[in-house]
Amino acid sequence: MRGWMTQRWCGFRVRVDRVRGEDGMTTAEYAVGTVAACAFAAVLYQVVTGDTVLTGLTDLVDSALATLS
C-alpha cells in the first residue's frame, strides 16, 4: 500500500513515497547486517591489536612524556 505525501525540507516541498507495512528489516537483512558487523569488528580487532598500532601508540606516549620532561 503506497501513499504520497508532501514534506518540507530546507524550504523545498518534497514528494515522499511512503510505503506502509515494511517499516523494519526482514530476517535476511538482519542476517546480512549481522555478518557484516561481525566481519568489520574482526578486521578492526586485528588492526588495533597489531604490532604497528601498538608501536605507534607507544611512540606517541613516549614522545608526549619526553615533551613534558
Protein backbone atom coordinates (compact mmCIF):
# COMPACT_ATOMS: atom_id res chain seq x y z
CA MET A 1 0.00 0.00 0.00
CA ARG A 2 1.60 3.24 -1.12
CA GLY A 3 0.71 6.78 -0.25
CA TRP A 4 2.23 10.03 -1.49
CA MET A 5 2.71 12.89 0.90
CA THR A 6 4.45 16.24 0.71
CA GLN A 7 7.09 17.30 3.23
CA ARG A 8 9.07 20.49 3.58
CA TRP A 9 12.84 20.12 3.53
CA CYS A 10 15.18 23.14 3.61
CA GLY A 11 12.44 25.35 2.21
CA PHE A 12 11.59 22.96 -0.65
CA ARG A 13 8.50 20.86 -1.00
CA VAL A 14 9.45 17.24 -1.49
CA ARG A 15 7.16 14.41 -2.52
CA VAL A 16 7.80 11.38 -0.37
CA ASP A 17 6.68 7.90 -1.34
CA ARG A 18 5.60 6.33 1.90
CA VAL A 19 5.42 2.54 1.88
CA ARG A 20 3.33 1.12 4.65
CA GLY A 21 3.74 -2.32 6.12
CA GLU A 22 7.51 -2.60 5.57
CA ASP A 23 8.88 -0.48 8.39
CA GLY A 24 11.65 -2.79 9.57
CA MET A 25 14.26 -5.11 8.16
CA THR A 26 13.45 -8.67 7.19
CA THR A 27 15.21 -11.68 8.67
CA ALA A 28 17.57 -11.94 5.70
CA GLU A 29 18.54 -8.28 6.04
CA TYR A 30 19.23 -8.80 9.75
CA ALA A 31 21.42 -11.80 8.91
CA VAL A 32 23.43 -9.90 6.29
CA GLY A 33 23.77 -6.89 8.61
CA THR A 34 24.93 -9.07 11.48
CA VAL A 35 27.53 -10.86 9.35
CA ALA A 36 28.82 -7.53 8.01
CA ALA A 37 29.06 -6.08 11.52
CA CYS A 38 30.94 -9.14 12.78
CA ALA A 39 33.34 -9.02 9.85
CA PHE A 40 34.00 -5.33 10.44
CA ALA A 41 34.58 -5.99 14.16
CA ALA A 42 37.05 -8.80 13.36
CA VAL A 43 39.02 -6.60 10.96
CA LEU A 44 39.03 -3.71 13.43
CA TYR A 45 40.23 -6.03 16.21
CA GLN A 46 43.08 -7.30 14.05
CA VAL A 47 44.14 -3.75 13.19
CA VAL A 48 44.01 -2.47 16.76
CA THR A 49 45.84 -5.44 18.26
CA GLY A 50 48.51 -5.50 15.55
CA ASP A 51 52.14 -4.63 16.20
CA THR A 52 52.03 -1.49 14.06
CA VAL A 53 49.32 0.17 16.14
CA LEU A 54 50.95 -0.88 19.41
CA THR A 55 54.30 0.52 18.28
CA GLY A 56 52.69 3.75 17.08
CA LEU A 57 50.83 4.28 20.35
CA THR A 58 53.97 3.51 22.37
CA ASP A 59 55.98 6.02 20.32
CA LEU A 60 53.23 8.62 20.74
CA VAL A 61 53.15 8.20 24.52
CA ASP A 62 56.96 8.23 24.74
CA SER A 63 57.19 11.45 22.75
CA ALA A 64 54.44 13.07 24.83
CA LEU A 65 56.23 12.15 28.05
CA ALA A 66 59.55 13.36 26.65
CA THR A 67 57.96 16.72 25.79
CA LEU A 68 56.65 17.12 29.33
CA SER A 69 60.02 16.29 30.93
